[in-house]
Amino acid sequence: MQDCKLIVTVRDDKVNFEGQDISVEELAQIAGFLQVFVGMEGLKRGLDMDDVKNNMLDIHLSAMETLDEQLRGGTPDTDGS
C-alpha cells in the first residue's frame, strides 16, 4: 500500500469520507483493516467469535442492501452516508 489519506468525518449523524491519493484497492484494504479492528473490539468487550462473525456479516449485508437500493434508485450516495 502506498502513502495515502482517508479522512472520516461524522457530523450530525452523517458520515463523510474524503480521500487523497487513494485507489479503490487501498480503500478495500483499509476497509479490511477496519473490520479486523471492529472484530477485535467486540472480542475485547466480551463477544465470542461466532457473535463477532454474525454481527460483521449483518453489517456487510446491510451495506450491500443499501448499495443495491441506491443503484436501483439511480442515485448512488457518493459521500458515504
N, C-alpha and C. Protein backbone atom coordinates (compact mmCIF):
# COMPACT_ATOMS: atom_id res chain seq x y z
N MET A 1 0.85 -1.17 0.00
CA MET A 1 0.00 0.00 0.00
C MET A 1 0.90 1.24 0.00
N GLN A 2 0.58 2.17 -0.87
CA GLN A 2 1.34 3.41 -0.95
C GLN A 2 0.80 4.43 0.05
N ASP A 3 1.56 5.49 0.29
CA ASP A 3 1.09 6.55 1.17
C ASP A 3 -0.20 7.14 0.61
N CYS A 4 -1.19 7.26 1.47
CA CYS A 4 -2.47 7.82 1.07
C CYS A 4 -3.16 8.35 2.33
N LYS A 5 -4.29 9.00 2.13
CA LYS A 5 -5.00 9.56 3.27
C LYS A 5 -6.49 9.33 3.10
N LEU A 6 -7.15 8.92 4.20
CA LEU A 6 -8.59 8.79 4.25
C LEU A 6 -9.06 9.54 5.48
N ILE A 7 -9.89 10.53 5.27
CA ILE A 7 -10.41 11.33 6.38
C ILE A 7 -11.88 10.96 6.56
N VAL A 8 -12.24 10.57 7.78
CA VAL A 8 -13.62 10.23 8.11
C VAL A 8 -14.14 11.29 9.06
N THR A 9 -15.24 11.93 8.67
CA THR A 9 -15.84 12.96 9.50
C THR A 9 -17.28 12.57 9.79
N VAL A 10 -17.68 12.68 11.06
CA VAL A 10 -19.07 12.43 11.44
C VAL A 10 -19.61 13.72 12.03
N ARG A 11 -20.68 14.22 11.44
CA ARG A 11 -21.28 15.46 11.92
C ARG A 11 -22.79 15.34 11.75
N ASP A 12 -23.52 15.55 12.83
CA ASP A 12 -25.00 15.48 12.81
C ASP A 12 -25.48 14.15 12.24
N ASP A 13 -24.88 13.05 12.72
CA ASP A 13 -25.25 11.69 12.30
C ASP A 13 -25.01 11.41 10.82
N LYS A 14 -24.23 12.23 10.17
CA LYS A 14 -23.89 12.00 8.76
C LYS A 14 -22.40 11.73 8.67
N VAL A 15 -22.04 10.65 7.98
CA VAL A 15 -20.65 10.25 7.82
C VAL A 15 -20.16 10.72 6.45
N ASN A 16 -18.99 11.34 6.44
CA ASN A 16 -18.40 11.81 5.19
C ASN A 16 -16.99 11.26 5.08
N PHE A 17 -16.63 10.79 3.90
CA PHE A 17 -15.29 10.28 3.62
C PHE A 17 -14.63 11.17 2.58
N GLU A 18 -13.37 11.44 2.81
CA GLU A 18 -12.59 12.23 1.86
C GLU A 18 -11.24 11.53 1.70
N GLY A 19 -10.85 11.25 0.46
CA GLY A 19 -9.60 10.55 0.23
C GLY A 19 -8.63 11.37 -0.59
N GLN A 20 -7.34 11.14 -0.33
CA GLN A 20 -6.28 11.78 -1.10
C GLN A 20 -5.28 10.71 -1.52
N ASP A 21 -4.99 10.68 -2.80
CA ASP A 21 -4.00 9.72 -3.34
C ASP A 21 -4.34 8.29 -2.94
N ILE A 22 -5.61 7.91 -3.09
CA ILE A 22 -6.03 6.58 -2.65
C ILE A 22 -6.78 5.87 -3.78
N SER A 23 -6.45 4.62 -3.98
CA SER A 23 -7.09 3.82 -5.03
C SER A 23 -8.22 2.99 -4.42
N VAL A 24 -9.00 2.40 -5.29
CA VAL A 24 -10.07 1.51 -4.84
C VAL A 24 -9.47 0.32 -4.08
N GLU A 25 -8.35 -0.18 -4.54
CA GLU A 25 -7.70 -1.31 -3.87
C GLU A 25 -7.25 -0.91 -2.46
N GLU A 26 -6.70 0.28 -2.32
CA GLU A 26 -6.27 0.75 -1.00
C GLU A 26 -7.47 0.97 -0.08
N LEU A 27 -8.57 1.49 -0.64
CA LEU A 27 -9.79 1.63 0.15
C LEU A 27 -10.28 0.27 0.64
N ALA A 28 -10.21 -0.73 -0.22
CA ALA A 28 -10.63 -2.08 0.17
C ALA A 28 -9.74 -2.63 1.28
N GLN A 29 -8.44 -2.39 1.18
CA GLN A 29 -7.52 -2.84 2.24
C GLN A 29 -7.83 -2.15 3.57
N ILE A 30 -8.08 -0.86 3.51
CA ILE A 30 -8.41 -0.12 4.73
C ILE A 30 -9.72 -0.64 5.32
N ALA A 31 -10.70 -0.93 4.47
CA ALA A 31 -11.96 -1.49 4.95
C ALA A 31 -11.71 -2.82 5.66
N GLY A 32 -10.82 -3.63 5.13
CA GLY A 32 -10.47 -4.90 5.79
C GLY A 32 -9.82 -4.68 7.13
N PHE A 33 -8.91 -3.71 7.21
CA PHE A 33 -8.26 -3.39 8.49
C PHE A 33 -9.29 -2.93 9.51
N LEU A 34 -10.26 -2.11 9.06
CA LEU A 34 -11.31 -1.64 9.97
C LEU A 34 -12.18 -2.79 10.46
N GLN A 35 -12.45 -3.76 9.59
CA GLN A 35 -13.24 -4.92 10.00
C GLN A 35 -12.52 -5.71 11.09
N VAL A 36 -11.21 -5.89 10.93
CA VAL A 36 -10.43 -6.60 11.95
C VAL A 36 -10.46 -5.80 13.26
N PHE A 37 -10.30 -4.49 13.17
CA PHE A 37 -10.32 -3.64 14.36
C PHE A 37 -11.67 -3.75 15.08
N VAL A 38 -12.76 -3.65 14.34
CA VAL A 38 -14.09 -3.76 14.95
C VAL A 38 -14.29 -5.14 15.57
N GLY A 39 -13.86 -6.18 14.87
CA GLY A 39 -13.97 -7.54 15.41
C GLY A 39 -13.19 -7.71 16.70
N MET A 40 -11.97 -7.19 16.73
CA MET A 40 -11.15 -7.29 17.95
C MET A 40 -11.78 -6.52 19.10
N GLU A 41 -12.36 -5.37 18.82
CA GLU A 41 -13.04 -4.61 19.87
C GLU A 41 -14.23 -5.39 20.43
N GLY A 42 -14.96 -6.06 19.55
CA GLY A 42 -16.08 -6.90 20.00
C GLY A 42 -15.60 -8.02 20.91
N LEU A 43 -14.50 -8.67 20.52
CA LEU A 43 -13.94 -9.74 21.35
C LEU A 43 -13.48 -9.21 22.70
N LYS A 44 -12.82 -8.04 22.70
CA LYS A 44 -12.35 -7.44 23.95
C LYS A 44 -13.51 -7.10 24.88
N ARG A 45 -14.66 -6.81 24.29
CA ARG A 45 -15.82 -6.40 25.09
C ARG A 45 -16.72 -7.57 25.45
N GLY A 46 -16.23 -8.80 25.21
CA GLY A 46 -16.93 -9.97 25.71
C GLY A 46 -17.73 -10.78 24.72
N LEU A 47 -17.79 -10.36 23.47
CA LEU A 47 -18.49 -11.18 22.48
C LEU A 47 -17.63 -12.39 22.14
N ASP A 48 -18.29 -13.50 21.81
CA ASP A 48 -17.49 -14.64 21.35
C ASP A 48 -17.34 -14.53 19.83
N MET A 49 -16.47 -15.35 19.29
CA MET A 49 -16.11 -15.24 17.87
C MET A 49 -17.33 -15.41 16.97
N ASP A 50 -18.24 -16.33 17.30
CA ASP A 50 -19.45 -16.51 16.48
C ASP A 50 -20.30 -15.25 16.47
N ASP A 51 -20.43 -14.60 17.63
CA ASP A 51 -21.20 -13.35 17.68
C ASP A 51 -20.53 -12.27 16.83
N VAL A 52 -19.21 -12.18 16.92
CA VAL A 52 -18.48 -11.19 16.12
C VAL A 52 -18.71 -11.45 14.64
N LYS A 53 -18.57 -12.70 14.21
CA LYS A 53 -18.77 -13.05 12.80
C LYS A 53 -20.19 -12.72 12.35
N ASN A 54 -21.17 -13.08 13.17
CA ASN A 54 -22.57 -12.80 12.81
C ASN A 54 -22.84 -11.31 12.71
N ASN A 55 -22.31 -10.55 13.67
CA ASN A 55 -22.51 -9.10 13.64
C ASN A 55 -21.84 -8.47 12.43
N MET A 56 -20.63 -8.91 12.12
CA MET A 56 -19.91 -8.36 10.96
C MET A 56 -20.62 -8.73 9.66
N LEU A 57 -21.16 -9.95 9.59
CA LEU A 57 -21.91 -10.35 8.40
C LEU A 57 -23.17 -9.50 8.25
N ASP A 58 -23.87 -9.24 9.37
CA ASP A 58 -25.06 -8.39 9.32
C ASP A 58 -24.72 -7.00 8.80
N ILE A 59 -23.60 -6.45 9.25
CA ILE A 59 -23.17 -5.12 8.79
C ILE A 59 -22.89 -5.16 7.29
N HIS A 60 -22.18 -6.18 6.83
CA HIS A 60 -21.86 -6.30 5.41
C HIS A 60 -23.13 -6.41 4.56
N LEU A 61 -24.05 -7.28 4.98
CA LEU A 61 -25.27 -7.49 4.21
C LEU A 61 -26.11 -6.21 4.17
N SER A 62 -26.17 -5.49 5.27
CA SER A 62 -26.90 -4.23 5.30
C SER A 62 -26.27 -3.20 4.36
N ALA A 63 -24.95 -3.13 4.36
CA ALA A 63 -24.26 -2.20 3.46
C ALA A 63 -24.52 -2.55 2.00
N MET A 64 -24.50 -3.82 1.66
CA MET A 64 -24.73 -4.23 0.28
C MET A 64 -26.18 -3.98 -0.12
N GLU A 65 -27.11 -4.14 0.81
CA GLU A 65 -28.51 -3.83 0.51
C GLU A 65 -28.68 -2.33 0.27
N THR A 66 -28.03 -1.50 1.06
CA THR A 66 -28.07 -0.06 0.86
C THR A 66 -27.51 0.32 -0.50
N LEU A 67 -26.38 -0.29 -0.87
CA LEU A 67 -25.78 -0.03 -2.18
C LEU A 67 -26.73 -0.43 -3.30
N ASP A 68 -27.34 -1.60 -3.16
CA ASP A 68 -28.28 -2.08 -4.17
C ASP A 68 -29.47 -1.14 -4.30
N GLU A 69 -30.02 -0.68 -3.18
CA GLU A 69 -31.15 0.25 -3.21
C GLU A 69 -30.76 1.56 -3.89
N GLN A 70 -29.57 2.07 -3.58
CA GLN A 70 -29.12 3.31 -4.19
C GLN A 70 -28.95 3.16 -5.69
N LEU A 71 -28.40 2.03 -6.12
CA LEU A 71 -28.20 1.80 -7.55
C LEU A 71 -29.53 1.63 -8.27
N ARG A 72 -30.48 0.92 -7.64
CA ARG A 72 -31.81 0.75 -8.24
C ARG A 72 -32.54 2.08 -8.33
N GLY A 73 -32.28 2.97 -7.35
CA GLY A 73 -32.91 4.29 -7.37
C GLY A 73 -32.25 5.25 -8.31
N GLY A 74 -31.08 4.86 -8.84
CA GLY A 74 -30.37 5.70 -9.79
C GLY A 74 -29.62 6.86 -9.16
N THR A 75 -29.52 6.86 -7.82
CA THR A 75 -28.82 7.98 -7.15
C THR A 75 -27.87 7.44 -6.10
N PRO A 76 -26.74 6.88 -6.52
CA PRO A 76 -25.78 6.41 -5.52
C PRO A 76 -25.30 7.56 -4.63
N ASP A 77 -25.24 7.29 -3.32
CA ASP A 77 -24.79 8.29 -2.35
C ASP A 77 -23.28 8.22 -2.29
N THR A 78 -22.61 9.12 -2.99
CA THR A 78 -21.15 9.06 -3.12
C THR A 78 -20.42 9.70 -1.95
N ASP A 79 -21.14 10.29 -0.99
CA ASP A 79 -20.43 10.92 0.13
C ASP A 79 -20.31 10.01 1.34
N GLY A 80 -20.77 8.75 1.24
CA GLY A 80 -20.52 7.78 2.30
C GLY A 80 -21.56 7.73 3.38
N SER A 81 -22.66 8.42 3.25
CA SER A 81 -23.66 8.42 4.33
C SER A 81 -24.71 7.36 4.13
